[in-house]
């Protein structure tokens, strides 16, 4: 189930609120099975993203990771998330 979940930040840099929200959205999509909620489920979907973002921010802070206000730095001009930065930071294997 988790093989398609992507790492959304480098561990040697501060996390941004945009990266945390992107990770929360990815998680909610994975758990719910929906890329986008129906009108009926939109409020619950959005609330879950907010709550998971909040919890993830506290988790990172507990690990000693700085969290900065800001966008998801890995979204390119084309609007897609690019993960090339992670290949450089991850050990081969």
PDB file of N, CA and C in Angstrom:
ATOM      1  N   UNK A   1       0.813  -1.198   0.000  1.00  0.00           N
ATOM      2  CA  UNK A   1       0.000   0.000   0.000  1.00  0.00           C
ATOM      3  C   UNK A   1       0.854   1.258   0.000  1.00  0.00           C
ATOM      4  N   UNK A   2       1.972   1.263   0.694  1.00  0.00           N
ATOM      5  CA  UNK A   2       2.750   2.492   0.876  1.00  0.00           C
ATOM      6  C   UNK A   2       3.830   2.711  -0.169  1.00  0.00           C
ATOM      7  N   UNK A   3       3.975   1.823  -1.122  1.00  0.00           N
ATOM      8  CA  UNK A   3       5.093   1.970  -2.054  1.00  0.00           C
ATOM      9  C   UNK A   3       5.030   3.234  -2.884  1.00  0.00           C
ATOM     10  N   UNK A   4       3.840   3.810  -3.077  1.00  0.00           N
ATOM     11  CA  UNK A   4       3.751   5.018  -3.893  1.00  0.00           C
ATOM     12  C   UNK A   4       3.792   6.302  -3.067  1.00  0.00           C
ATOM     13  N   UNK A   5       3.930   6.191  -1.764  1.00  0.00           N
ATOM     14  CA  UNK A   5       4.050   7.396  -0.941  1.00  0.00           C
ATOM     15  C   UNK A   5       5.459   7.953  -1.122  1.00  0.00           C
ATOM     16  N   UNK A   6       5.532   9.227  -1.438  1.00  0.00           N
ATOM     17  CA  UNK A   6       6.804   9.882  -1.735  1.00  0.00           C
ATOM     18  C   UNK A   6       7.322  10.656  -0.526  1.00  0.00           C
ATOM     19  N   UNK A   7       8.636  10.656  -0.393  1.00  0.00           N
ATOM     20  CA  UNK A   7       9.276  11.512   0.613  1.00  0.00           C
ATOM     21  C   UNK A   7       9.115  12.943   0.125  1.00  0.00           C
ATOM     22  N   UNK A   8       8.683  13.829   0.993  1.00  0.00           N
ATOM     23  CA  UNK A   8       8.374  15.185   0.557  1.00  0.00           C
ATOM     24  C   UNK A   8       9.358  16.250   1.021  1.00  0.00           C
ATOM     25  N   UNK A   9      10.393  15.859   1.741  1.00  0.00           N
ATOM     26  CA  UNK A   9      11.390  16.851   2.144  1.00  0.00           C
ATOM     27  C   UNK A   9      12.706  16.163   2.426  1.00  0.00           C
ATOM     28  N   UNK A  10      13.770  16.938   2.383  1.00  0.00           N
ATOM     29  CA  UNK A  10      15.089  16.418   2.740  1.00  0.00           C
ATOM     30  C   UNK A  10      15.241  16.507   4.244  1.00  0.00           C
ATOM     31  N   UNK A  11      15.841  15.498   4.822  1.00  0.00           N
ATOM     32  CA  UNK A  11      15.958  15.469   6.283  1.00  0.00           C
ATOM     33  C   UNK A  11      16.976  16.466   6.821  1.00  0.00           C
ATOM     34  N   UNK A  12      17.833  16.999   5.966  1.00  0.00           N
ATOM     35  CA  UNK A  12      18.857  17.941   6.437  1.00  0.00           C
ATOM     36  C   UNK A  12      18.416  19.402   6.329  1.00  0.00           C
ATOM     37  N   UNK A  13      17.158  19.642   5.995  1.00  0.00           N
ATOM     38  CA  UNK A  13      16.642  21.003   5.872  1.00  0.00           C
ATOM     39  C   UNK A  13      15.383  21.154   6.717  1.00  0.00           C
ATOM     40  N   UNK A  14      15.061  22.381   7.028  1.00  0.00           N
ATOM     41  CA  UNK A  14      13.807  22.648   7.743  1.00  0.00           C
ATOM     42  C   UNK A  14      12.635  22.239   6.858  1.00  0.00           C
ATOM     43  N   UNK A  15      11.582  21.779   7.477  1.00  0.00           N
ATOM     44  CA  UNK A  15      10.357  21.470   6.748  1.00  0.00           C
ATOM     45  C   UNK A  15       9.565  22.759   6.574  1.00  0.00           C
ATOM     46  N   UNK A  16       8.805  22.831   5.513  1.00  0.00           N
ATOM     47  CA  UNK A  16       7.912  23.979   5.345  1.00  0.00           C
ATOM     48  C   UNK A  16       6.480  23.532   5.594  1.00  0.00           C
ATOM     49  N   UNK A  17       5.642  24.488   5.939  1.00  0.00           N
ATOM     50  CA  UNK A  17       4.239  24.164   6.170  1.00  0.00           C
ATOM     51  C   UNK A  17       3.598  23.620   4.896  1.00  0.00           C
ATOM     52  N   UNK A  18       4.058  24.070   3.746  1.00  0.00           N
ATOM     53  CA  UNK A  18       3.538  23.552   2.480  1.00  0.00           C
ATOM     54  C   UNK A  18       3.900  22.096   2.266  1.00  0.00           C
ATOM     55  N   UNK A  19       5.109  21.713   2.648  1.00  0.00           N
ATOM     56  CA  UNK A  19       5.528  20.309   2.535  1.00  0.00           C
ATOM     57  C   UNK A  19       4.733  19.429   3.490  1.00  0.00           C
ATOM     58  N   UNK A  20       4.496  19.939   4.681  1.00  0.00           N
ATOM     59  CA  UNK A  20       3.720  19.176   5.662  1.00  0.00           C
ATOM     60  C   UNK A  20       2.293  18.989   5.169  1.00  0.00           C
ATOM     61  N   UNK A  21       1.697  20.038   4.629  1.00  0.00           N
ATOM     62  CA  UNK A  21       0.341  19.926   4.107  1.00  0.00           C
ATOM     63  C   UNK A  21       0.284  18.969   2.915  1.00  0.00           C
ATOM     64  N   UNK A  22       1.306  18.999   2.052  1.00  0.00           N
ATOM     65  CA  UNK A  22       1.342  18.074   0.916  1.00  0.00           C
ATOM     66  C   UNK A  22       1.423  16.628   1.394  1.00  0.00           C
ATOM     67  N   UNK A  23       2.202  16.386   2.435  1.00  0.00           N
ATOM     68  CA  UNK A  23       2.307  15.032   2.987  1.00  0.00           C
ATOM     69  C   UNK A  23       0.973  14.600   3.605  1.00  0.00           C
ATOM     70  N   UNK A  24       0.308  15.514   4.305  1.00  0.00           N
ATOM     71  CA  UNK A  24      -0.980  15.194   4.913  1.00  0.00           C
ATOM     72  C   UNK A  24      -2.019  14.888   3.840  1.00  0.00           C
ATOM     73  N   UNK A  25      -2.022  15.673   2.781  1.00  0.00           N
ATOM     74  CA  UNK A  25      -2.953  15.444   1.678  1.00  0.00           C
ATOM     75  C   UNK A  25      -2.685  14.088   1.029  1.00  0.00           C
ATOM     76  N   UNK A  26      -1.417  13.767   0.820  1.00  0.00           N
ATOM     77  CA  UNK A  26      -1.050  12.474   0.245  1.00  0.00           C
ATOM     78  C   UNK A  26      -1.544  11.328   1.130  1.00  0.00           C
ATOM     79  N   UNK A  27      -1.388  11.471   2.430  1.00  0.00           N
ATOM     80  CA  UNK A  27      -1.828  10.452   3.380  1.00  0.00           C
ATOM     81  C   UNK A  27      -3.349  10.285   3.346  1.00  0.00           C
ATOM     82  N   UNK A  28      -4.080  11.389   3.387  1.00  0.00           N
ATOM     83  CA  UNK A  28      -5.540  11.323   3.382  1.00  0.00           C
ATOM     84  C   UNK A  28      -6.036  10.701   2.078  1.00  0.00           C
ATOM     85  N   UNK A  29      -5.422  11.055   0.969  1.00  0.00           N
ATOM     86  CA  UNK A  29      -5.796  10.444  -0.307  1.00  0.00           C
ATOM     87  C   UNK A  29      -5.570   8.936  -0.280  1.00  0.00           C
ATOM     88  N   UNK A  30      -4.436   8.529   0.273  1.00  0.00           N
ATOM     89  CA  UNK A  30      -4.100   7.111   0.324  1.00  0.00           C
ATOM     90  C   UNK A  30      -5.068   6.346   1.216  1.00  0.00           C
ATOM     91  N   UNK A  31      -5.340   6.876   2.392  1.00  0.00           N
ATOM     92  CA  UNK A  31      -6.209   6.192   3.342  1.00  0.00           C
ATOM     93  C   UNK A  31      -7.658   6.163   2.846  1.00  0.00           C
ATOM     94  N   UNK A  32      -8.128   7.280   2.284  1.00  0.00           N
ATOM     95  CA  UNK A  32      -9.524   7.363   1.855  1.00  0.00           C
ATOM     96  C   UNK A  32      -9.774   6.639   0.537  1.00  0.00           C
ATOM     97  N   UNK A  33      -8.737   6.525  -0.271  1.00  0.00           N
ATOM     98  CA  UNK A  33      -8.907   5.914  -1.585  1.00  0.00           C
ATOM     99  C   UNK A  33      -9.403   6.888  -2.639  1.00  0.00           C
ATOM    100  N   UNK A  34      -9.495   8.176  -2.296  1.00  0.00           N
ATOM    101  CA  UNK A  34      -9.991   9.191  -3.217  1.00  0.00           C
ATOM    102  C   UNK A  34      -8.943  10.271  -3.444  1.00  0.00           C
ATOM    103  N   UNK A  35      -8.754  10.628  -4.713  1.00  0.00           N
ATOM    104  CA  UNK A  35      -7.847  11.730  -5.029  1.00  0.00           C
ATOM    105  C   UNK A  35      -8.481  13.049  -4.610  1.00  0.00           C
ATOM    106  N   UNK A  36      -9.786  13.139  -4.817  1.00  0.00           N
ATOM    107  CA  UNK A  36     -10.547  14.325  -4.409  1.00  0.00           C
ATOM    108  C   UNK A  36     -11.856  13.840  -3.788  1.00  0.00           C
ATOM    109  N   UNK A  37     -12.309  14.497  -2.751  1.00  0.00           N
ATOM    110  CA  UNK A  37     -13.537  14.040  -2.090  1.00  0.00           C
ATOM    111  C   UNK A  37     -14.779  14.446  -2.879  1.00  0.00           C
ATOM    112  N   UNK A  38     -15.857  13.749  -2.627  1.00  0.00           N
ATOM    113  CA  UNK A  38     -17.152  14.167  -3.175  1.00  0.00           C
ATOM    114  C   UNK A  38     -17.610  15.391  -2.386  1.00  0.00           C
ATOM    115  N   UNK A  39     -18.611  16.062  -2.882  1.00  0.00           N
ATOM    116  CA  UNK A  39     -19.151  17.226  -2.166  1.00  0.00           C
ATOM    117  C   UNK A  39     -19.613  16.821  -0.774  1.00  0.00           C
ATOM    118  N   UNK A  40     -20.155  15.628  -0.666  1.00  0.00           N
ATOM    119  CA  UNK A  40     -20.653  15.122   0.616  1.00  0.00           C
ATOM    120  C   UNK A  40     -19.535  14.928   1.635  1.00  0.00           C
ATOM    121  N   UNK A  41     -18.346  14.514   1.154  1.00  0.00           N
ATOM    122  CA  UNK A  41     -17.231  14.204   2.055  1.00  0.00           C
ATOM    123  C   UNK A  41     -16.164  15.297   2.129  1.00  0.00           C
ATOM    124  N   UNK A  42     -16.350  16.400   1.444  1.00  0.00           N
ATOM    125  CA  UNK A  42     -15.320  17.434   1.357  1.00  0.00           C
ATOM    126  C   UNK A  42     -14.919  17.988   2.728  1.00  0.00           C
ATOM    127  N   UNK A  43     -15.876  18.259   3.580  1.00  0.00           N
ATOM    128  CA  UNK A  43     -15.562  18.841   4.891  1.00  0.00           C
ATOM    129  C   UNK A  43     -14.725  17.882   5.728  1.00  0.00           C
ATOM    130  N   UNK A  44     -15.081  16.605   5.730  1.00  0.00           N
ATOM    131  CA  UNK A  44     -14.323  15.611   6.498  1.00  0.00           C
ATOM    132  C   UNK A  44     -12.923  15.433   5.919  1.00  0.00           C
ATOM    133  N   UNK A  45     -12.807  15.420   4.600  1.00  0.00           N
ATOM    134  CA  UNK A  45     -11.525  15.269   3.917  1.00  0.00           C
ATOM    135  C   UNK A  45     -10.599  16.437   4.282  1.00  0.00           C
ATOM    136  N   UNK A  46     -11.108  17.653   4.160  1.00  0.00           N
ATOM    137  CA  UNK A  46     -10.314  18.848   4.466  1.00  0.00           C
ATOM    138  C   UNK A  46      -9.952  18.927   5.943  1.00  0.00           C
ATOM    139  N   UNK A  47     -10.875  18.532   6.815  1.00  0.00           N
ATOM    140  CA  UNK A  47     -10.586  18.521   8.253  1.00  0.00           C
ATOM    141  C   UNK A  47      -9.477  17.520   8.564  1.00  0.00           C
ATOM    142  N   UNK A  48      -9.499  16.373   7.904  1.00  0.00           N
ATOM    143  CA  UNK A  48      -8.453  15.366   8.124  1.00  0.00           C
ATOM    144  C   UNK A  48      -7.095  15.900   7.686  1.00  0.00           C
ATOM    145  N   UNK A  49      -7.046  16.581   6.561  1.00  0.00           N
ATOM    146  CA  UNK A  49      -5.775  17.163   6.097  1.00  0.00           C
ATOM    147  C   UNK A  49      -5.260  18.174   7.113  1.00  0.00           C
ATOM    148  N   UNK A  50      -6.129  19.025   7.635  1.00  0.00           N
ATOM    149  CA  UNK A  50      -5.711  20.025   8.639  1.00  0.00           C
ATOM    150  C   UNK A  50      -5.193  19.355   9.905  1.00  0.00           C
ATOM    151  N   UNK A  51      -5.939  18.364  10.397  1.00  0.00           N
ATOM    152  CA  UNK A  51      -5.552  17.692  11.642  1.00  0.00           C
ATOM    153  C   UNK A  51      -4.231  16.937  11.487  1.00  0.00           C
ATOM    154  N   UNK A  52      -4.058  16.256  10.377  1.00  0.00           N
ATOM    155  CA  UNK A  52      -2.823  15.503  10.154  1.00  0.00           C
ATOM    156  C   UNK A  52      -1.656  16.462   9.957  1.00  0.00           C
ATOM    157  N   UNK A  53      -1.883  17.577   9.275  1.00  0.00           N
ATOM    158  CA  UNK A  53      -0.828  18.593   9.134  1.00  0.00           C
ATOM    159  C   UNK A  53      -0.382  19.093  10.502  1.00  0.00           C
ATOM    160  N   UNK A  54      -1.340  19.380  11.355  1.00  0.00           N
ATOM    161  CA  UNK A  54      -1.056  19.874  12.702  1.00  0.00           C
ATOM    162  C   UNK A  54      -0.241  18.839  13.494  1.00  0.00           C
ATOM    163  N   UNK A  55      -0.676  17.590  13.441  1.00  0.00           N
ATOM    164  CA  UNK A  55       0.017  16.521  14.166  1.00  0.00           C
ATOM    165  C   UNK A  55       1.415  16.293  13.600  1.00  0.00           C
ATOM    166  N   UNK A  56       1.555  16.317  12.290  1.00  0.00           N
ATOM    167  CA  UNK A  56       2.861  16.112  11.660  1.00  0.00           C
ATOM    168  C   UNK A  56       3.828  17.236  12.033  1.00  0.00           C
ATOM    169  N   UNK A  57       3.321  18.452  12.107  1.00  0.00           N
ATOM    170  CA  UNK A  57       4.170  19.582  12.505  1.00  0.00           C
ATOM    171  C   UNK A  57       4.697  19.375  13.920  1.00  0.00           C
ATOM    172  N   UNK A  58       3.844  18.930  14.836  1.00  0.00           N
ATOM    173  CA  UNK A  58       4.277  18.655  16.206  1.00  0.00           C
ATOM    174  C   UNK A  58       5.291  17.504  16.244  1.00  0.00           C
ATOM    175  N   UNK A  59       5.079  16.485  15.440  1.00  0.00           N
ATOM    176  CA  UNK A  59       6.015  15.364  15.372  1.00  0.00           C
ATOM    177  C   UNK A  59       7.397  15.839  14.933  1.00  0.00           C
ATOM    178  N   UNK A  60       7.449  16.619  13.867  1.00  0.00           N
ATOM    179  CA  UNK A  60       8.741  17.111  13.379  1.00  0.00           C
ATOM    180  C   UNK A  60       9.419  17.998  14.413  1.00  0.00           C
ATOM    181  N   UNK A  61       8.653  18.844  15.070  1.00  0.00           N
ATOM    182  CA  UNK A  61       9.226  19.700  16.111  1.00  0.00           C
ATOM    183  C   UNK A  61       9.767  18.858  17.272  1.00  0.00           C
ATOM    184  N   UNK A  62       9.078  17.769  17.618  1.00  0.00           N
ATOM    185  CA  UNK A  62       9.553  16.872  18.684  1.00  0.00           C
ATOM    186  C   UNK A  62      10.857  16.198  18.287  1.00  0.00           C
ATOM    187  N   UNK A  63      11.040  15.977  16.991  1.00  0.00           N
ATOM    188  CA  UNK A  63      12.292  15.398  16.486  1.00  0.00           C
ATOM    189  C   UNK A  63      13.410  16.428  16.424  1.00  0.00           C
ATOM    190  N   UNK A  64      13.079  17.694  16.688  1.00  0.00           N
ATOM    191  CA  UNK A  64      14.075  18.759  16.611  1.00  0.00           C
ATOM    192  C   UNK A  64      14.207  19.366  15.227  1.00  0.00           C
ATOM    193  N   UNK A  65      13.255  19.092  14.353  1.00  0.00           N
ATOM    194  CA  UNK A  65      13.267  19.643  12.998  1.00  0.00           C
ATOM    195  C   UNK A  65      12.590  20.995  13.005  1.00  0.00           C
ATOM    196  N   UNK A  66      13.245  21.983  12.425  1.00  0.00           N
ATOM    197  CA  UNK A  66      12.629  23.301  12.307  1.00  0.00           C
ATOM    198  C   UNK A  66      11.500  23.234  11.293  1.00  0.00           C
ATOM    199  N   UNK A  67      10.430  23.963  11.563  1.00  0.00           N
ATOM    200  CA  UNK A  67       9.304  24.069  10.644  1.00  0.00           C
ATOM    201  C   UNK A  67       9.138  25.541  10.309  1.00  0.00           C
ATOM    202  N   UNK A  68       9.177  25.856   9.019  1.00  0.00           N
ATOM    203  CA  UNK A  68       9.076  27.232   8.544  1.00  0.00           C
ATOM    204  C   UNK A  68       7.769  27.413   7.780  1.00  0.00           C
ATOM    205  N   UNK A  69       7.209  28.604   7.871  1.00  0.00           N
ATOM    206  CA  UNK A  69       6.074  28.947   7.008  1.00  0.00           C
ATOM    207  C   UNK A  69       6.593  28.966   5.579  1.00  0.00           C
ATOM    208  N   UNK A  70       5.838  28.425   4.677  1.00  0.00           N
ATOM    209  CA  UNK A  70       6.254  28.491   3.288  1.00  0.00           C
ATOM    210  C   UNK A  70       5.600  27.425   2.438  1.00  0.00           C
ATOM    211  N   UNK A  71       5.820  27.539   1.143  1.00  0.00           N
ATOM    212  CA  UNK A  71       5.200  26.613   0.202  1.00  0.00           C
ATOM    213  C   UNK A  71       5.952  25.287   0.145  1.00  0.00           C
ATOM    214  N   UNK A  72       5.381  24.360  -0.567  1.00  0.00           N
ATOM    215  CA  UNK A  72       6.074  23.120  -0.874  1.00  0.00           C
ATOM    216  C   UNK A  72       7.157  23.484  -1.889  1.00  0.00           C
ATOM    217  N   UNK A  73       8.415  23.451  -1.481  1.00  0.00           N
ATOM    218  CA  UNK A  73       9.520  23.895  -2.334  1.00  0.00           C
ATOM    219  C   UNK A  73       9.740  23.018  -3.548  1.00  0.00           C
ATOM    220  N   UNK A  74       9.146  21.860  -3.579  1.00  0.00           N
ATOM    221  CA  UNK A  74       9.452  20.908  -4.653  1.00  0.00           C
ATOM    222  C   UNK A  74       8.407  20.903  -5.753  1.00  0.00           C
ATOM    223  N   UNK A  75       7.516  21.896  -5.753  1.00  0.00           N
ATOM    224  CA  UNK A  75       6.555  22.013  -6.847  1.00  0.00           C
ATOM    225  C   UNK A  75       7.207  22.870  -7.927  1.00  0.00           C
ATOM    226  N   UNK A  76       7.304  22.310  -9.118  1.00  0.00           N
ATOM    227  CA  UNK A  76       7.940  23.020 -10.223  1.00  0.00           C
ATOM    228  C   UNK A  76       7.001  24.013 -10.885  1.00  0.00           C
ATOM    229  N   UNK A  77       7.517  24.705 -11.872  1.00  0.00           N
ATOM    230  CA  UNK A  77       6.707  25.679 -12.606  1.00  0.00           C
ATOM    231  C   UNK A  77       5.532  25.021 -13.307  1.00  0.00           C
ATOM    232  N   UNK A  78       5.683  23.737 -13.608  1.00  0.00           N
ATOM    233  CA  UNK A  78       4.612  23.011 -14.285  1.00  0.00           C
ATOM    234  C   UNK A  78       3.508  22.569 -13.325  1.00  0.00           C
ATOM    235  N   UNK A  79       3.671  22.862 -12.021  1.00  0.00           N
ATOM    236  CA  UNK A  79       2.664  22.509 -11.035  1.00  0.00           C
ATOM    237  C   UNK A  79       2.793  21.106 -10.481  1.00  0.00           C
ATOM    238  N   UNK A  80       3.793  20.356 -10.937  1.00  0.00           N
ATOM    239  CA  UNK A  80       4.001  18.991 -10.460  1.00  0.00           C
ATOM    240  C   UNK A  80       5.118  18.957  -9.425  1.00  0.00           C
ATOM    241  N   UNK A  81       5.001  18.024  -8.502  1.00  0.00           N
ATOM    242  CA  UNK A  81       6.046  17.853  -7.493  1.00  0.00           C
ATOM    243  C   UNK A  81       7.198  17.099  -8.122  1.00  0.00           C
ATOM    244  N   UNK A  82       8.403  17.608  -7.949  1.00  0.00           N
ATOM    245  CA  UNK A  82       9.605  16.990  -8.492  1.00  0.00           C
ATOM    246  C   UNK A  82      10.442  16.440  -7.344  1.00  0.00           C
ATOM    247  N   UNK A  83      10.949  15.237  -7.520  1.00  0.00           N
ATOM    248  CA  UNK A  83      11.660  14.556  -6.442  1.00  0.00           C
ATOM    249  C   UNK A  83      13.141  14.363  -6.738  1.00  0.00           C
ATOM    250  N   UNK A  84      13.683  15.072  -7.732  1.00  0.00           N
ATOM    251  CA  UNK A  84      15.106  14.918  -8.045  1.00  0.00           C
ATOM    252  C   UNK A  84      16.000  15.232  -6.870  1.00  0.00           C
ATOM    253  N   UNK A  85      15.597  16.203  -6.039  1.00  0.00           N
ATOM    254  CA  UNK A  85      16.374  16.601  -4.874  1.00  0.00           C
ATOM    255  C   UNK A  85      16.542  15.442  -3.886  1.00  0.00           C
ATOM    256  N   UNK A  86      15.601  14.524  -3.890  1.00  0.00           N
ATOM    257  CA  UNK A  86      15.661  13.424  -2.946  1.00  0.00           C
ATOM    258  C   UNK A  86      16.628  12.345  -3.406  1.00  0.00           C
ATOM    259  N   UNK A  87      16.782  12.166  -4.690  1.00  0.00           N
ATOM    260  CA  UNK A  87      17.726  11.168  -5.199  1.00  0.00           C
ATOM    261  C   UNK A  87      19.136  11.488  -4.750  1.00  0.00           C
ATOM    262  N   UNK A  88      19.448  12.786  -4.712  1.00  0.00           N
ATOM    263  CA  UNK A  88      20.780  13.202  -4.282  1.00  0.00           C
ATOM    264  C   UNK A  88      20.989  12.982  -2.797  1.00  0.00           C
ATOM    265  N   UNK A  89      19.923  13.116  -2.009  1.00  0.00           N
ATOM    266  CA  UNK A  89      20.043  13.016  -0.554  1.00  0.00           C
ATOM    267  C   UNK A  89      19.910  11.601  -0.038  1.00  0.00           C
ATOM    268  N   UNK A  90      19.302  10.710  -0.836  1.00  0.00           N
ATOM    269  CA  UNK A  90      19.051   9.343  -0.379  1.00  0.00           C
ATOM    270  C   UNK A  90      20.219   8.439  -0.704  1.00  0.00           C
ATOM    271  N   UNK A  91      20.541   7.498   0.179  1.00  0.00           N
ATOM    272  CA  UNK A  91      21.594   6.547  -0.130  1.00  0.00           C
ATOM    273  C   UNK A  91      21.153   5.648  -1.269  1.00  0.00           C
ATOM    274  N   UNK A  92      22.098   5.216  -2.084  1.00  0.00           N
ATOM    275  CA  UNK A  92      21.787   4.337  -3.206  1.00  0.00           C
ATOM    276  C   UNK A  92      21.283   3.012  -2.687  1.00  0.00           C
ATOM    277  N   UNK A  93      20.322   2.430  -3.439  1.00  0.00           N
ATOM    278  CA  UNK A  93      19.850   1.122  -3.016  1.00  0.00           C
ATOM    279  C   UNK A  93      18.484   0.917  -3.256  1.00  0.00           C
TER     280      UNK A  93
END
